[in-house]
Amino acid sequence: MRWVDEDAPVNETLAIEVGPPVCTRPFGSLNELGDEASTAVLRVARQFAAKYGLKHVIDVSSGIAAMHVCVGAISPGWMST
């Protein structure tokens, strides 16, 4: 099974160089939920750490982000090449 078609033509033009921009306004604040929600997230993280006797807790936004953190934590040799 081939994952990449080596015979396919390669386009050397970057997407940013052609056509209109996809996003025309800023994404917004990183804290759109407000201070109350941020405080709630911190409270849950602290409760989780206390329940399981953990010194550190990392909050992530999705399962994929959690997998990235896990892979980074084990630091496999193939990632450093």
N, C-alpha and C. Protein backbone atom coordinates (compact mmCIF):
# COMPACT_ATOMS: atom_id res chain seq x y z
N MET A 1 0.84 -1.18 0.00
CA MET A 1 0.00 0.00 0.00
C MET A 1 0.89 1.25 0.00
N ARG A 2 0.60 2.19 -0.89
CA ARG A 2 1.35 3.44 -0.94
C ARG A 2 0.49 4.55 -0.38
N TRP A 3 1.06 5.30 0.55
CA TRP A 3 0.34 6.40 1.18
C TRP A 3 0.48 7.70 0.40
N VAL A 4 1.58 7.84 -0.34
CA VAL A 4 1.84 9.06 -1.10
C VAL A 4 2.05 8.68 -2.55
N ASP A 5 1.44 9.42 -3.45
CA ASP A 5 1.63 9.18 -4.87
C ASP A 5 2.84 9.96 -5.34
N GLU A 6 3.97 9.24 -5.48
CA GLU A 6 5.21 9.92 -5.87
C GLU A 6 5.15 10.47 -7.29
N ASP A 7 4.21 9.97 -8.10
CA ASP A 7 4.11 10.41 -9.50
C ASP A 7 3.20 11.63 -9.66
N ALA A 8 2.52 12.04 -8.60
CA ALA A 8 1.61 13.19 -8.69
C ALA A 8 2.40 14.48 -8.86
N PRO A 9 1.89 15.40 -9.68
CA PRO A 9 2.60 16.67 -9.84
C PRO A 9 2.60 17.47 -8.54
N VAL A 10 3.67 18.21 -8.32
CA VAL A 10 3.80 19.01 -7.11
C VAL A 10 3.58 20.47 -7.47
N ASN A 11 2.72 21.14 -6.72
CA ASN A 11 2.46 22.56 -6.94
C ASN A 11 3.40 23.33 -6.03
N GLU A 12 4.25 24.15 -6.61
CA GLU A 12 5.23 24.91 -5.83
C GLU A 12 4.67 26.23 -5.30
N THR A 13 3.43 26.58 -5.67
CA THR A 13 2.83 27.84 -5.23
C THR A 13 2.16 27.63 -3.88
N LEU A 14 2.46 28.51 -2.94
CA LEU A 14 1.83 28.44 -1.63
C LEU A 14 0.40 28.94 -1.70
N ALA A 15 -0.47 28.36 -0.89
CA ALA A 15 -1.88 28.75 -0.88
C ALA A 15 -2.05 30.22 -0.54
N ILE A 16 -1.16 30.76 0.30
CA ILE A 16 -1.27 32.16 0.71
C ILE A 16 -1.03 33.13 -0.45
N GLU A 17 -0.39 32.64 -1.52
CA GLU A 17 -0.05 33.50 -2.65
C GLU A 17 -1.17 33.61 -3.68
N VAL A 18 -2.21 32.82 -3.56
CA VAL A 18 -3.30 32.85 -4.55
C VAL A 18 -4.65 32.93 -3.86
N GLY A 19 -5.59 33.56 -4.48
CA GLY A 19 -6.95 33.61 -3.96
C GLY A 19 -7.13 34.49 -2.75
N PRO A 20 -8.39 34.65 -2.34
CA PRO A 20 -8.70 35.49 -1.17
C PRO A 20 -8.36 34.75 0.12
N PRO A 21 -8.11 35.50 1.19
CA PRO A 21 -7.84 34.85 2.47
C PRO A 21 -9.08 34.13 2.98
N VAL A 22 -8.88 33.04 3.67
CA VAL A 22 -9.99 32.27 4.22
C VAL A 22 -10.57 32.98 5.43
N CYS A 23 -9.72 33.54 6.27
CA CYS A 23 -10.17 34.25 7.47
C CYS A 23 -9.81 35.72 7.31
N THR A 24 -10.80 36.59 7.42
CA THR A 24 -10.55 38.01 7.21
C THR A 24 -10.61 38.83 8.48
N ARG A 25 -10.89 38.18 9.63
CA ARG A 25 -10.92 38.91 10.90
C ARG A 25 -10.13 38.12 11.95
N PRO A 26 -9.70 38.78 12.99
CA PRO A 26 -8.94 38.08 14.03
C PRO A 26 -9.75 36.96 14.68
N PHE A 27 -9.07 35.95 15.19
CA PHE A 27 -9.74 34.83 15.83
C PHE A 27 -10.38 35.20 17.15
N GLY A 28 -9.89 36.21 17.81
CA GLY A 28 -10.46 36.62 19.08
C GLY A 28 -9.55 36.28 20.24
N SER A 29 -10.06 36.53 21.40
CA SER A 29 -9.31 36.33 22.63
C SER A 29 -9.09 34.86 22.91
N LEU A 30 -7.99 34.54 23.56
CA LEU A 30 -7.74 33.18 24.00
C LEU A 30 -8.61 32.82 25.20
N ASN A 31 -9.19 33.82 25.82
CA ASN A 31 -10.01 33.60 26.99
C ASN A 31 -11.44 34.06 26.72
N GLU A 32 -12.06 33.49 25.69
CA GLU A 32 -13.40 33.90 25.32
C GLU A 32 -14.46 33.45 26.33
N LEU A 33 -14.14 32.45 27.14
CA LEU A 33 -15.11 31.95 28.10
C LEU A 33 -15.23 32.84 29.33
N GLY A 34 -14.23 33.67 29.56
CA GLY A 34 -14.26 34.57 30.70
C GLY A 34 -13.55 34.00 31.91
N ASP A 35 -13.37 34.87 32.88
CA ASP A 35 -12.65 34.50 34.09
C ASP A 35 -13.35 33.41 34.90
N GLU A 36 -14.66 33.44 34.91
CA GLU A 36 -15.40 32.44 35.69
C GLU A 36 -15.15 31.02 35.16
N ALA A 37 -15.17 30.86 33.84
CA ALA A 37 -14.92 29.55 33.25
C ALA A 37 -13.47 29.13 33.46
N SER A 38 -12.55 30.07 33.34
CA SER A 38 -11.15 29.75 33.56
C SER A 38 -10.91 29.29 34.99
N THR A 39 -11.55 29.96 35.92
CA THR A 39 -11.44 29.57 37.32
C THR A 39 -12.01 28.18 37.54
N ALA A 40 -13.11 27.87 36.87
CA ALA A 40 -13.73 26.55 37.00
C ALA A 40 -12.80 25.46 36.46
N VAL A 41 -12.15 25.73 35.35
CA VAL A 41 -11.21 24.75 34.77
C VAL A 41 -10.06 24.50 35.74
N LEU A 42 -9.52 25.56 36.31
CA LEU A 42 -8.44 25.41 37.28
C LEU A 42 -8.90 24.63 38.52
N ARG A 43 -10.11 24.89 38.96
CA ARG A 43 -10.64 24.19 40.13
C ARG A 43 -10.76 22.69 39.85
N VAL A 44 -11.28 22.34 38.68
CA VAL A 44 -11.42 20.93 38.31
C VAL A 44 -10.05 20.27 38.20
N ALA A 45 -9.08 20.96 37.61
CA ALA A 45 -7.73 20.41 37.48
C ALA A 45 -7.11 20.15 38.85
N ARG A 46 -7.30 21.09 39.77
CA ARG A 46 -6.76 20.91 41.12
C ARG A 46 -7.45 19.77 41.86
N GLN A 47 -8.76 19.64 41.68
CA GLN A 47 -9.49 18.53 42.31
C GLN A 47 -9.03 17.19 41.75
N PHE A 48 -8.82 17.13 40.46
CA PHE A 48 -8.34 15.91 39.81
C PHE A 48 -6.97 15.53 40.35
N ALA A 49 -6.08 16.51 40.43
CA ALA A 49 -4.73 16.26 40.94
C ALA A 49 -4.78 15.77 42.39
N ALA A 50 -5.62 16.39 43.21
CA ALA A 50 -5.73 16.00 44.61
C ALA A 50 -6.29 14.59 44.74
N LYS A 51 -7.30 14.27 43.94
CA LYS A 51 -7.94 12.95 44.02
C LYS A 51 -6.97 11.82 43.69
N TYR A 52 -6.10 12.06 42.71
CA TYR A 52 -5.18 11.00 42.25
C TYR A 52 -3.75 11.19 42.76
N GLY A 53 -3.55 12.16 43.64
CA GLY A 53 -2.23 12.37 44.23
C GLY A 53 -1.18 12.81 43.22
N LEU A 54 -1.59 13.62 42.29
CA LEU A 54 -0.68 14.09 41.24
C LEU A 54 -0.08 15.43 41.61
N LYS A 55 1.18 15.61 41.23
CA LYS A 55 1.85 16.88 41.47
C LYS A 55 1.53 17.89 40.36
N HIS A 56 1.39 17.38 39.12
CA HIS A 56 1.15 18.26 37.98
C HIS A 56 -0.03 17.73 37.15
N VAL A 57 -0.78 18.64 36.57
CA VAL A 57 -1.89 18.31 35.68
C VAL A 57 -1.78 19.22 34.47
N ILE A 58 -2.02 18.66 33.29
CA ILE A 58 -2.00 19.46 32.06
C ILE A 58 -3.40 19.44 31.47
N ASP A 59 -3.99 20.60 31.30
CA ASP A 59 -5.30 20.72 30.65
C ASP A 59 -5.08 20.80 29.15
N VAL A 60 -5.88 20.04 28.39
CA VAL A 60 -5.80 20.08 26.94
C VAL A 60 -7.19 20.30 26.37
N SER A 61 -7.26 20.66 25.12
CA SER A 61 -8.54 21.01 24.51
C SER A 61 -9.23 19.86 23.80
N SER A 62 -8.54 18.74 23.59
CA SER A 62 -9.15 17.63 22.87
C SER A 62 -8.38 16.34 23.13
N GLY A 63 -8.96 15.24 22.68
CA GLY A 63 -8.29 13.95 22.80
C GLY A 63 -7.01 13.89 21.99
N ILE A 64 -7.03 14.50 20.82
CA ILE A 64 -5.82 14.52 19.98
C ILE A 64 -4.72 15.31 20.68
N ALA A 65 -5.07 16.44 21.27
CA ALA A 65 -4.07 17.22 22.01
C ALA A 65 -3.52 16.40 23.17
N ALA A 66 -4.38 15.62 23.82
CA ALA A 66 -3.92 14.76 24.92
C ALA A 66 -2.93 13.72 24.41
N MET A 67 -3.20 13.16 23.24
CA MET A 67 -2.27 12.17 22.66
C MET A 67 -0.92 12.82 22.33
N HIS A 68 -0.94 14.05 21.84
CA HIS A 68 0.31 14.76 21.56
C HIS A 68 1.11 14.95 22.83
N VAL A 69 0.44 15.30 23.92
CA VAL A 69 1.11 15.48 25.20
C VAL A 69 1.71 14.15 25.66
N CYS A 70 0.95 13.07 25.51
CA CYS A 70 1.44 11.74 25.92
C CYS A 70 2.68 11.34 25.14
N VAL A 71 2.65 11.50 23.83
CA VAL A 71 3.79 11.14 23.00
C VAL A 71 4.99 12.01 23.36
N GLY A 72 4.76 13.29 23.57
CA GLY A 72 5.85 14.17 23.98
C GLY A 72 6.43 13.78 25.33
N ALA A 73 5.59 13.28 26.22
CA ALA A 73 6.05 12.90 27.56
C ALA A 73 6.97 11.69 27.53
N ILE A 74 6.66 10.73 26.64
CA ILE A 74 7.53 9.55 26.57
C ILE A 74 8.75 9.80 25.71
N SER A 75 8.74 10.88 24.95
CA SER A 75 9.87 11.32 24.14
C SER A 75 10.51 10.20 23.32
N PRO A 76 9.76 9.62 22.37
CA PRO A 76 10.33 8.57 21.55
C PRO A 76 11.49 9.09 20.70
N GLY A 77 12.50 8.27 20.52
CA GLY A 77 13.69 8.66 19.78
C GLY A 77 13.41 9.08 18.36
N TRP A 78 12.42 8.47 17.72
CA TRP A 78 12.16 8.78 16.31
C TRP A 78 11.63 10.20 16.12
N MET A 79 11.14 10.82 17.18
CA MET A 79 10.64 12.20 17.05
C MET A 79 11.77 13.21 17.02
N SER A 80 12.93 12.86 17.53
CA SER A 80 14.03 13.82 17.60
C SER A 80 14.87 13.86 16.33
N THR A 81 14.54 13.02 15.36
CA THR A 81 15.32 13.00 14.11
C THR A 81 14.72 13.90 13.08
